[in-house]
Amino acid sequence: MSKEVEEAVKTSITLTRNLWERAKIEALKRGLTLTEVVEAALKKWLEIAEKERGRESER
C-alpha cells in the first residue's frame, strides 16, 4: 500500500503575536510543529467550507 506524497509549498503568513504564541505553545504541548497545526486547521476549514457550499447548492 503506497501513500501518495504531496509536494510541499513554502509560504509566509502574517499572524497576530497572540495567535502565533497560542498556536506555537499548543503545538509544543502536543509534540507537533506549527506547520502541522496550520495544515490541520486549514484542512478543517476547507472541509467546513465544502460542506457549506454543498448545502447552498441543495437550496
PDB file of N, CA and C in Angstrom:
ATOM      1  N   MET A   1       0.856  -1.172   0.000  1.00  0.00           N
ATOM      2  CA  MET A   1       0.000   0.000   0.000  1.00  0.00           C
ATOM      3  C   MET A   1       0.902   1.236   0.000  1.00  0.00           C
ATOM      4  N   SER A   2       0.859   1.995  -1.081  1.00  0.00           N
ATOM      5  CA  SER A   2       1.710   3.181  -1.144  1.00  0.00           C
ATOM      6  C   SER A   2       0.886   4.426  -0.850  1.00  0.00           C
ATOM      7  N   LYS A   3       1.506   5.331  -0.171  1.00  0.00           N
ATOM      8  CA  LYS A   3       0.836   6.585   0.158  1.00  0.00           C
ATOM      9  C   LYS A   3       1.403   7.661  -0.765  1.00  0.00           C
ATOM     10  N   GLU A   4       0.522   8.377  -1.422  1.00  0.00           N
ATOM     11  CA  GLU A   4       0.949   9.435  -2.325  1.00  0.00           C
ATOM     12  C   GLU A   4       1.580  10.568  -1.530  1.00  0.00           C
ATOM     13  N   VAL A   5       2.732  11.019  -1.987  1.00  0.00           N
ATOM     14  CA  VAL A   5       3.433  12.109  -1.314  1.00  0.00           C
ATOM     15  C   VAL A   5       3.139  13.400  -2.060  1.00  0.00           C
ATOM     16  N   GLU A   6       2.633  14.377  -1.333  1.00  0.00           N
ATOM     17  CA  GLU A   6       2.329  15.661  -1.944  1.00  0.00           C
ATOM     18  C   GLU A   6       3.542  16.571  -1.860  1.00  0.00           C
ATOM     19  N   GLU A   7       3.702  17.381  -2.880  1.00  0.00           N
ATOM     20  CA  GLU A   7       4.789  18.359  -2.898  1.00  0.00           C
ATOM     21  C   GLU A   7       4.465  19.483  -1.924  1.00  0.00           C
ATOM     22  N   ALA A   8       5.418  19.833  -1.098  1.00  0.00           N
ATOM     23  CA  ALA A   8       5.234  20.931  -0.144  1.00  0.00           C
ATOM     24  C   ALA A   8       5.508  22.266  -0.835  1.00  0.00           C
ATOM     25  N   VAL A   9       4.767  23.270  -0.427  1.00  0.00           N
ATOM     26  CA  VAL A   9       4.959  24.623  -0.928  1.00  0.00           C
ATOM     27  C   VAL A   9       5.272  25.508   0.264  1.00  0.00           C
ATOM     28  N   LYS A  10       6.364  26.213   0.184  1.00  0.00           N
ATOM     29  CA  LYS A  10       6.753  27.106   1.277  1.00  0.00           C
ATOM     30  C   LYS A  10       6.069  28.462   1.068  1.00  0.00           C
ATOM     31  N   THR A  11       5.481  28.988   2.139  1.00  0.00           N
ATOM     32  CA  THR A  11       4.775  30.259   2.052  1.00  0.00           C
ATOM     33  C   THR A  11       4.958  31.028   3.355  1.00  0.00           C
ATOM     34  N   SER A  12       4.599  32.266   3.328  1.00  0.00           N
ATOM     35  CA  SER A  12       4.655  33.097   4.541  1.00  0.00           C
ATOM     36  C   SER A  12       3.259  33.617   4.834  1.00  0.00           C
ATOM     37  N   ILE A  13       2.923  33.673   6.122  1.00  0.00           N
ATOM     38  CA  ILE A  13       1.654  34.264   6.537  1.00  0.00           C
ATOM     39  C   ILE A  13       1.936  35.245   7.674  1.00  0.00           C
ATOM     40  N   THR A  14       1.037  36.168   7.854  1.00  0.00           N
ATOM     41  CA  THR A  14       1.166  37.136   8.942  1.00  0.00           C
ATOM     42  C   THR A  14       0.080  36.838   9.965  1.00  0.00           C
ATOM     43  N   LEU A  15       0.501  36.631  11.215  1.00  0.00           N
ATOM     44  CA  LEU A  15      -0.412  36.351  12.322  1.00  0.00           C
ATOM     45  C   LEU A  15      -0.206  37.382  13.411  1.00  0.00           C
ATOM     46  N   THR A  16      -1.225  37.582  14.211  1.00  0.00           N
ATOM     47  CA  THR A  16      -1.013  38.421  15.391  1.00  0.00           C
ATOM     48  C   THR A  16      -0.076  37.657  16.326  1.00  0.00           C
ATOM     49  N   ARG A  17       0.678  38.378  17.102  1.00  0.00           N
ATOM     50  CA  ARG A  17       1.627  37.729  18.013  1.00  0.00           C
ATOM     51  C   ARG A  17       0.883  36.793  18.967  1.00  0.00           C
ATOM     52  N   ASN A  18      -0.281  37.239  19.464  1.00  0.00           N
ATOM     53  CA  ASN A  18      -1.047  36.428  20.407  1.00  0.00           C
ATOM     54  C   ASN A  18      -1.459  35.094  19.786  1.00  0.00           C
ATOM     55  N   LEU A  19      -1.983  35.119  18.570  1.00  0.00           N
ATOM     56  CA  LEU A  19      -2.407  33.892  17.899  1.00  0.00           C
ATOM     57  C   LEU A  19      -1.212  32.984  17.647  1.00  0.00           C
ATOM     58  N   TRP A  20      -0.110  33.550  17.180  1.00  0.00           N
ATOM     59  CA  TRP A  20       1.098  32.780  16.931  1.00  0.00           C
ATOM     60  C   TRP A  20       1.592  32.101  18.212  1.00  0.00           C
ATOM     61  N   GLU A  21       1.631  32.848  19.311  1.00  0.00           N
ATOM     62  CA  GLU A  21       2.115  32.293  20.581  1.00  0.00           C
ATOM     63  C   GLU A  21       1.210  31.168  21.071  1.00  0.00           C
ATOM     64  N   ARG A  22      -0.099  31.386  21.010  1.00  0.00           N
ATOM     65  CA  ARG A  22      -1.037  30.359  21.469  1.00  0.00           C
ATOM     66  C   ARG A  22      -0.901  29.089  20.638  1.00  0.00           C
ATOM     67  N   ALA A  23      -0.811  29.245  19.321  1.00  0.00           N
ATOM     68  CA  ALA A  23      -0.687  28.085  18.439  1.00  0.00           C
ATOM     69  C   ALA A  23       0.652  27.374  18.653  1.00  0.00           C
ATOM     70  N   LYS A  24       1.715  28.136  18.801  1.00  0.00           N
ATOM     71  CA  LYS A  24       3.046  27.556  18.997  1.00  0.00           C
ATOM     72  C   LYS A  24       3.110  26.781  20.316  1.00  0.00           C
ATOM     73  N   ILE A  25       2.563  27.345  21.376  1.00  0.00           N
ATOM     74  CA  ILE A  25       2.559  26.675  22.683  1.00  0.00           C
ATOM     75  C   ILE A  25       1.749  25.386  22.614  1.00  0.00           C
ATOM     76  N   GLU A  26       0.575  25.446  22.010  1.00  0.00           N
ATOM     77  CA  GLU A  26      -0.266  24.251  21.895  1.00  0.00           C
ATOM     78  C   GLU A  26       0.426  23.183  21.049  1.00  0.00           C
ATOM     79  N   ALA A  27       1.081  23.602  19.979  1.00  0.00           N
ATOM     80  CA  ALA A  27       1.815  22.651  19.139  1.00  0.00           C
ATOM     81  C   ALA A  27       2.914  21.960  19.948  1.00  0.00           C
ATOM     82  N   LEU A  28       3.669  22.739  20.701  1.00  0.00           N
ATOM     83  CA  LEU A  28       4.743  22.167  21.516  1.00  0.00           C
ATOM     84  C   LEU A  28       4.204  21.180  22.540  1.00  0.00           C
ATOM     85  N   LYS A  29       3.088  21.523  23.177  1.00  0.00           N
ATOM     86  CA  LYS A  29       2.471  20.640  24.170  1.00  0.00           C
ATOM     87  C   LYS A  29       2.088  19.294  23.546  1.00  0.00           C
ATOM     88  N   ARG A  30       1.701  19.331  22.279  1.00  0.00           N
ATOM     89  CA  ARG A  30       1.239  18.118  21.599  1.00  0.00           C
ATOM     90  C   ARG A  30       2.341  17.429  20.798  1.00  0.00           C
ATOM     91  N   GLY A  31       3.542  18.007  20.816  1.00  0.00           N
ATOM     92  CA  GLY A  31       4.642  17.411  20.068  1.00  0.00           C
ATOM     93  C   GLY A  31       4.513  17.589  18.566  1.00  0.00           C
ATOM     94  N   LEU A  32       3.890  18.687  18.163  1.00  0.00           N
ATOM     95  CA  LEU A  32       3.669  18.985  16.751  1.00  0.00           C
ATOM     96  C   LEU A  32       4.461  20.216  16.345  1.00  0.00           C
ATOM     97  N   THR A  33       4.624  20.383  15.049  1.00  0.00           N
ATOM     98  CA  THR A  33       5.205  21.619  14.538  1.00  0.00           C
ATOM     99  C   THR A  33       4.081  22.613  14.282  1.00  0.00           C
ATOM    100  N   LEU A  34       4.427  23.867  14.182  1.00  0.00           N
ATOM    101  CA  LEU A  34       3.426  24.877  13.856  1.00  0.00           C
ATOM    102  C   LEU A  34       2.864  24.612  12.453  1.00  0.00           C
ATOM    103  N   THR A  35       3.691  24.122  11.562  1.00  0.00           N
ATOM    104  CA  THR A  35       3.234  23.771  10.217  1.00  0.00           C
ATOM    105  C   THR A  35       2.133  22.716  10.279  1.00  0.00           C
ATOM    106  N   GLU A  36       2.308  21.707  11.123  1.00  0.00           N
ATOM    107  CA  GLU A  36       1.296  20.664  11.254  1.00  0.00           C
ATOM    108  C   GLU A  36      -0.017  21.221  11.804  1.00  0.00           C
ATOM    109  N   VAL A  37       0.080  22.143  12.741  1.00  0.00           N
ATOM    110  CA  VAL A  37      -1.115  22.759  13.317  1.00  0.00           C
ATOM    111  C   VAL A  37      -1.838  23.601  12.267  1.00  0.00           C
ATOM    112  N   VAL A  38      -1.108  24.417  11.533  1.00  0.00           N
ATOM    113  CA  VAL A  38      -1.710  25.268  10.499  1.00  0.00           C
ATOM    114  C   VAL A  38      -2.319  24.400   9.403  1.00  0.00           C
ATOM    115  N   GLU A  39      -1.615  23.352   9.011  1.00  0.00           N
ATOM    116  CA  GLU A  39      -2.122  22.456   7.978  1.00  0.00           C
ATOM    117  C   GLU A  39      -3.437  21.798   8.423  1.00  0.00           C
ATOM    118  N   ALA A  40      -3.492  21.328   9.661  1.00  0.00           N
ATOM    119  CA  ALA A  40      -4.708  20.702  10.191  1.00  0.00           C
ATOM    120  C   ALA A  40      -5.855  21.707  10.236  1.00  0.00           C
ATOM    121  N   ALA A  41      -5.559  22.929  10.653  1.00  0.00           N
ATOM    122  CA  ALA A  41      -6.595  23.966  10.735  1.00  0.00           C
ATOM    123  C   ALA A  41      -7.133  24.315   9.346  1.00  0.00           C
ATOM    124  N   LEU A  42      -6.262  24.421   8.367  1.00  0.00           N
ATOM    125  CA  LEU A  42      -6.698  24.733   7.005  1.00  0.00           C
ATOM    126  C   LEU A  42      -7.536  23.607   6.418  1.00  0.00           C
ATOM    127  N   LYS A  43      -7.138  22.363   6.672  1.00  0.00           N
ATOM    128  CA  LYS A  43      -7.909  21.222   6.174  1.00  0.00           C
ATOM    129  C   LYS A  43      -9.313  21.223   6.777  1.00  0.00           C
ATOM    130  N   LYS A  44      -9.405  21.488   8.068  1.00  0.00           N
ATOM    131  CA  LYS A  44     -10.706  21.530   8.747  1.00  0.00           C
ATOM    132  C   LYS A  44     -11.563  22.665   8.184  1.00  0.00           C
ATOM    133  N   TRP A  45     -10.961  23.827   7.994  1.00  0.00           N
ATOM    134  CA  TRP A  45     -11.681  24.980   7.451  1.00  0.00           C
ATOM    135  C   TRP A  45     -12.204  24.674   6.046  1.00  0.00           C
ATOM    136  N   LEU A  46     -11.380  24.035   5.220  1.00  0.00           N
ATOM    137  CA  LEU A  46     -11.803  23.684   3.863  1.00  0.00           C
ATOM    138  C   LEU A  46     -12.931  22.653   3.892  1.00  0.00           C
ATOM    139  N   GLU A  47     -12.852  21.703   4.806  1.00  0.00           N
ATOM    140  CA  GLU A  47     -13.904  20.703   4.962  1.00  0.00           C
ATOM    141  C   GLU A  47     -15.235  21.378   5.296  1.00  0.00           C
ATOM    142  N   ILE A  48     -15.207  22.319   6.218  1.00  0.00           N
ATOM    143  CA  ILE A  48     -16.411  23.052   6.608  1.00  0.00           C
ATOM    144  C   ILE A  48     -16.939  23.875   5.436  1.00  0.00           C
ATOM    145  N   ALA A  49     -16.040  24.555   4.726  1.00  0.00           N
ATOM    146  CA  ALA A  49     -16.442  25.383   3.585  1.00  0.00           C
ATOM    147  C   ALA A  49     -17.089  24.531   2.495  1.00  0.00           C
ATOM    148  N   GLU A  50     -16.532  23.340   2.247  1.00  0.00           N
ATOM    149  CA  GLU A  50     -17.096  22.460   1.219  1.00  0.00           C
ATOM    150  C   GLU A  50     -18.477  21.962   1.624  1.00  0.00           C
ATOM    151  N   LYS A  51     -18.671  21.644   2.913  1.00  0.00           N
ATOM    152  CA  LYS A  51     -19.985  21.213   3.390  1.00  0.00           C
ATOM    153  C   LYS A  51     -21.000  22.339   3.255  1.00  0.00           C
ATOM    154  N   GLU A  52     -20.588  23.567   3.605  1.00  0.00           N
ATOM    155  CA  GLU A  52     -21.483  24.719   3.486  1.00  0.00           C
ATOM    156  C   GLU A  52     -21.858  24.953   2.030  1.00  0.00           C
ATOM    157  N   ARG A  53     -20.894  24.825   1.132  1.00  0.00           N
ATOM    158  CA  ARG A  53     -21.143  25.019  -0.278  1.00  0.00           C
ATOM    159  C   ARG A  53     -22.131  23.957  -0.788  1.00  0.00           C
ATOM    160  N   GLY A  54     -21.994  22.740  -0.272  1.00  0.00           N
ATOM    161  CA  GLY A  54     -22.906  21.660  -0.656  1.00  0.00           C
ATOM    162  C   GLY A  54     -24.323  21.936  -0.218  1.00  0.00           C
ATOM    163  N   ARG A  55     -24.468  22.489   0.980  1.00  0.00           N
ATOM    164  CA  ARG A  55     -25.803  22.826   1.499  1.00  0.00           C
ATOM    165  C   ARG A  55     -26.419  23.952   0.684  1.00  0.00           C
ATOM    166  N   GLU A  56     -25.617  24.904   0.259  1.00  0.00           N
ATOM    167  CA  GLU A  56     -26.129  26.029  -0.534  1.00  0.00           C
ATOM    168  C   GLU A  56     -26.627  25.555  -1.888  1.00  0.00           C
ATOM    169  N   SER A  57     -25.959  24.574  -2.488  1.00  0.00           N
ATOM    170  CA  SER A  57     -26.368  24.091  -3.809  1.00  0.00           C
ATOM    171  C   SER A  57     -27.634  23.239  -3.730  1.00  0.00           C
ATOM    172  N   GLU A  58     -27.971  22.742  -2.530  1.00  0.00           N
ATOM    173  CA  GLU A  58     -29.187  21.947  -2.340  1.00  0.00           C
ATOM    174  C   GLU A  58     -30.426  22.830  -2.275  1.00  0.00           C
ATOM    175  N   ARG A  59     -30.244  24.100  -2.048  1.00  0.00           N
ATOM    176  CA  ARG A  59     -31.399  25.010  -1.913  1.00  0.00           C
ATOM    177  C   ARG A  59     -32.046  25.306  -3.231  1.00  0.00           C
TER     178      ARG A  59
END
